Amino acid sequence: MNENIRKRNELLAQKVMKGLESRNMTPYYAADKEAAKVLALSIMPEGSSISMGGAMSAYEIGLVDAIKAGNYSFIDRDAIADKRSALLAAYDADFFLSSANAITEDGVLVNIDGNANRVSCIAQGPKHVIFIIGMNKVCDDIDGAMKRARNVAAPINSQRFGLQTPCCKTGSCMDCKSPDTICCQFLITRYSRHPGRIHVILVNDELGF
């Protein structure tokens, strides 16, 4: 990454962190992927039960591999035949790993989901939620964050899953009601009522979609 971009991200991260603190969320700054992985592991005591949605950012920083190799109870939905039991177990986990489709400069998190398992766990259930968010996802405001979620994250994820949505063909949101749409639930997290539940690690790198 260009050093000028890295410096700008570092300064912007301080603003985002202040916004998160004002919203009763615990912010962290990681200079790179390795630092982000170390930070996340430091938050989760050994023996913790851990679940997750499809957070590509957690894979990209090496966190998922570290959890699988470590002393944790990992609820791996991809390895469990009964998917419903895996999804239900996630609600009672000690930690839920996620990223965000976008985050505003003042600390509001925006997420879109198709099946609602991810956004429902963010909203309630798991004792703690850890977000791994690359600085490429920071937007000016909620309007910009929603546009990013719908016009950047959703089309890429739809293509990744091999879905038949209009955005797979156009590359941008068509506000569709396709049977394959993943834009079913929108969650805006502007405040955490429970201190210490939501942890947000801002990573000075480009992660996820």
Protein backbone atom coordinates (compact mmCIF):
# COMPACT_ATOMS: atom_id res chain seq x y z
CA MET A 1 0.00 0.00 0.00
CA ASN A 2 1.20 3.51 -0.84
CA GLU A 3 2.65 5.21 2.24
CA ASN A 4 0.54 8.33 1.72
CA ILE A 5 -2.61 6.20 1.68
CA ARG A 6 -1.42 4.32 4.76
CA LYS A 7 -0.83 7.57 6.65
CA ARG A 8 -4.20 8.96 5.63
CA ASN A 9 -5.88 5.74 6.78
CA GLU A 10 -4.09 5.90 10.11
CA LEU A 11 -5.36 9.43 10.73
CA LEU A 12 -8.89 8.60 9.58
CA ALA A 13 -8.94 5.53 11.82
CA GLN A 14 -8.50 7.79 14.87
CA LYS A 15 -11.67 9.66 13.89
CA VAL A 16 -13.61 6.44 13.37
CA MET A 17 -12.41 5.09 16.71
CA LYS A 18 -13.67 8.17 18.54
CA GLY A 19 -17.04 7.68 16.86
CA LEU A 20 -17.15 4.04 17.94
CA GLU A 21 -16.28 4.94 21.52
CA SER A 22 -19.14 7.46 21.57
CA ARG A 23 -21.44 4.62 20.53
CA ASN A 24 -20.42 2.32 23.39
CA MET A 25 -18.33 0.06 21.14
CA THR A 26 -14.69 -0.87 21.80
CA PRO A 27 -12.35 0.18 18.96
CA TYR A 28 -8.88 -1.05 18.06
CA TYR A 29 -6.41 -0.08 15.36
CA ALA A 30 -4.20 -2.61 13.58
CA ALA A 31 -1.40 -1.45 11.31
CA ASP A 32 -1.56 -4.63 9.23
CA LYS A 33 -3.20 -8.06 8.93
CA GLU A 34 -0.87 -9.79 11.37
CA ALA A 35 -1.48 -7.15 14.02
CA ALA A 36 -5.22 -7.54 13.48
CA LYS A 37 -5.01 -11.29 13.99
CA VAL A 38 -3.01 -10.88 17.21
CA LEU A 39 -5.49 -8.31 18.49
CA ALA A 40 -8.50 -10.52 17.79
CA LEU A 41 -6.92 -13.51 19.51
CA SER A 42 -6.06 -11.38 22.54
CA ILE A 43 -9.75 -10.53 22.97
CA MET A 44 -10.87 -14.18 22.98
CA PRO A 45 -9.70 -16.31 25.96
CA GLU A 46 -8.67 -19.88 25.21
CA GLY A 47 -11.58 -22.26 25.54
CA SER A 48 -14.05 -19.72 24.15
CA SER A 49 -16.77 -20.85 21.78
CA ILE A 50 -16.52 -18.97 18.50
CA SER A 51 -18.89 -18.71 15.56
CA MET A 52 -18.98 -16.57 12.46
CA GLY A 53 -20.81 -15.59 9.33
CA GLY A 54 -19.06 -15.52 5.98
CA ALA A 55 -16.53 -12.87 7.03
CA MET A 56 -13.87 -12.95 4.32
CA SER A 57 -11.80 -10.43 6.30
CA ALA A 58 -11.37 -12.94 9.15
CA TYR A 59 -9.97 -15.44 6.66
CA GLU A 60 -7.74 -12.86 4.97
CA ILE A 61 -5.93 -11.92 8.19
CA GLY A 62 -5.36 -15.59 9.07
CA LEU A 63 -7.69 -15.50 12.06
CA VAL A 64 -9.82 -18.51 11.11
CA ASP A 65 -6.77 -20.74 10.63
CA ALA A 66 -5.37 -19.57 13.97
CA ILE A 67 -8.66 -20.38 15.73
CA LYS A 68 -8.81 -23.85 14.17
CA ALA A 69 -5.24 -24.51 15.26
CA GLY A 70 -5.78 -23.09 18.74
CA ASN A 71 -7.57 -24.12 21.93
CA TYR A 72 -11.04 -22.91 21.01
CA SER A 73 -14.46 -24.41 20.43
CA PHE A 74 -15.04 -23.35 16.84
CA ILE A 75 -18.58 -23.74 15.50
CA ASP A 76 -17.65 -24.42 11.88
CA ARG A 77 -20.90 -24.28 9.93
CA ASP A 78 -19.13 -25.55 6.79
CA ALA A 79 -18.10 -28.74 8.61
CA ILE A 80 -21.42 -29.44 10.35
CA ALA A 81 -23.96 -31.46 8.37
CA ASP A 82 -26.96 -30.05 10.25
CA LYS A 83 -26.72 -26.42 9.15
CA ARG A 84 -29.66 -25.32 11.27
CA SER A 85 -28.06 -26.63 14.46
CA ALA A 86 -24.86 -24.79 13.57
CA LEU A 87 -26.77 -21.56 13.00
CA LEU A 88 -28.66 -21.92 16.28
CA ALA A 89 -25.46 -22.72 18.19
CA ALA A 90 -23.98 -19.45 16.94
CA TYR A 91 -26.52 -17.48 18.98
CA ASP A 92 -25.13 -18.90 22.22
CA ALA A 93 -21.44 -18.51 21.34
CA ASP A 94 -18.99 -16.52 23.42
CA PHE A 95 -17.78 -14.68 20.32
CA PHE A 96 -19.19 -14.03 16.86
CA LEU A 97 -16.78 -12.96 14.12
CA SER A 98 -17.96 -10.61 11.42
CA SER A 99 -16.95 -7.82 9.14
CA ALA A 100 -19.11 -4.95 7.93
CA ASN A 101 -20.25 -4.04 4.47
CA ALA A 102 -19.46 -0.45 5.40
CA ILE A 103 -18.70 1.80 8.37
CA THR A 104 -19.14 5.56 8.60
CA GLU A 105 -16.49 8.00 9.73
CA ASP A 106 -18.44 8.53 12.94
CA GLY A 107 -18.68 4.82 13.75
CA VAL A 108 -22.02 3.56 12.41
CA LEU A 109 -21.91 -0.02 11.06
CA VAL A 110 -23.96 -1.02 8.01
CA ASN A 111 -24.66 -4.62 7.01
CA ILE A 112 -26.86 -6.35 4.44
CA ASP A 113 -27.84 -10.01 4.68
CA GLY A 114 -29.79 -12.59 2.72
CA ASN A 115 -30.66 -15.20 5.35
CA ALA A 116 -30.32 -12.90 8.39
CA ASN A 117 -28.06 -15.29 10.32
CA ARG A 118 -25.24 -12.75 10.31
CA VAL A 119 -27.20 -9.59 11.07
CA SER A 120 -29.29 -11.33 13.73
CA CYS A 121 -26.15 -12.50 15.56
CA ILE A 122 -24.73 -8.98 15.36
CA ALA A 123 -27.93 -7.56 16.83
CA GLN A 124 -28.44 -10.09 19.61
CA GLY A 125 -27.38 -13.51 20.84
CA PRO A 126 -23.62 -14.12 21.02
CA LYS A 127 -22.02 -12.68 24.15
CA HIS A 128 -19.48 -10.70 22.11
CA VAL A 129 -19.11 -9.61 18.48
CA ILE A 130 -15.73 -8.89 16.91
CA PHE A 131 -15.68 -6.93 13.65
CA ILE A 132 -12.63 -7.09 11.39
CA ILE A 133 -12.90 -4.09 9.05
CA GLY A 134 -10.46 -2.89 6.41
CA MET A 135 -10.11 0.86 5.98
CA ASN A 136 -11.40 0.48 2.42
CA LYS A 137 -14.89 0.18 3.92
CA VAL A 138 -14.96 3.59 5.61
CA CYS A 139 -17.57 5.96 4.13
CA ASP A 140 -18.50 9.59 4.81
CA ASP A 141 -21.98 8.93 6.19
CA ILE A 142 -24.85 6.44 6.34
CA ASP A 143 -26.00 7.31 2.83
CA GLY A 144 -22.53 6.58 1.48
CA ALA A 145 -22.31 3.41 3.57
CA MET A 146 -25.63 2.13 2.24
CA LYS A 147 -24.54 2.86 -1.32
CA ARG A 148 -21.30 0.98 -0.75
CA ALA A 149 -23.12 -2.00 0.78
CA ARG A 150 -25.59 -2.21 -2.09
CA ASN A 151 -23.37 -1.27 -5.05
CA VAL A 152 -20.02 -2.77 -4.06
CA ALA A 153 -20.46 -5.52 -1.47
CA ALA A 154 -23.76 -7.00 -2.66
CA PRO A 155 -22.86 -7.42 -6.36
CA ILE A 156 -19.47 -8.96 -5.52
CA ASN A 157 -20.98 -11.36 -2.99
CA SER A 158 -23.77 -12.29 -5.40
CA GLN A 159 -21.16 -13.10 -8.03
CA ARG A 160 -19.10 -15.02 -5.47
CA PHE A 161 -22.08 -17.20 -4.58
CA GLY A 162 -22.99 -17.76 -8.23
CA LEU A 163 -26.44 -16.17 -7.87
CA GLN A 164 -28.74 -15.00 -10.64
CA THR A 165 -29.39 -11.40 -9.66
CA PRO A 166 -29.46 -8.31 -11.89
CA CYS A 167 -26.45 -6.86 -10.06
CA CYS A 168 -24.36 -9.84 -11.17
CA LYS A 169 -24.85 -8.63 -14.73
CA THR A 170 -24.74 -4.86 -14.21
CA GLY A 171 -22.25 -4.60 -11.31
CA SER A 172 -24.54 -2.28 -9.35
CA CYS A 173 -27.74 -2.51 -7.35
CA MET A 174 -30.99 -2.71 -9.32
CA ASP A 175 -33.19 -2.74 -6.19
CA CYS A 176 -34.37 -6.16 -7.33
CA LYS A 177 -36.85 -8.60 -5.84
CA SER A 178 -35.12 -11.56 -7.42
CA PRO A 179 -35.53 -14.94 -5.66
CA ASP A 180 -31.73 -14.94 -5.32
CA THR A 181 -31.42 -11.47 -3.81
CA ILE A 182 -29.13 -11.19 -0.81
CA CYS A 183 -30.40 -7.70 0.03
CA CYS A 184 -33.17 -8.98 2.29
CA GLN A 185 -32.26 -7.50 5.67
CA PHE A 186 -30.48 -4.22 6.39
CA LEU A 187 -28.91 -3.65 9.81
CA ILE A 188 -27.64 -0.26 10.93
CA THR A 189 -25.76 -0.50 14.22
CA ARG A 190 -25.53 3.02 15.63
CA TYR A 191 -25.13 2.21 19.34
CA SER A 192 -24.43 -0.76 21.61
CA ARG A 193 -26.56 -0.83 24.74
CA HIS A 194 -24.27 -3.47 26.27
CA PRO A 195 -20.76 -2.22 27.20
CA GLY A 196 -17.95 -4.49 26.04
CA ARG A 197 -20.09 -6.54 23.67
CA ILE A 198 -19.05 -5.08 20.32
CA HIS A 199 -15.36 -4.89 19.45
CA VAL A 200 -14.25 -3.26 16.18
CA ILE A 201 -10.75 -3.82 14.79
CA LEU A 202 -9.89 -1.31 12.06
CA VAL A 203 -7.16 -2.67 9.81
CA ASN A 204 -4.92 -0.43 7.72
CA ASP A 205 -5.31 -2.63 4.68
CA GLU A 206 -7.86 -3.47 2.01
CA LEU A 207 -9.97 -6.38 3.25
CA GLY A 208 -13.12 -8.08 2.03
CA PHE A 209 -15.64 -6.58 -0.34
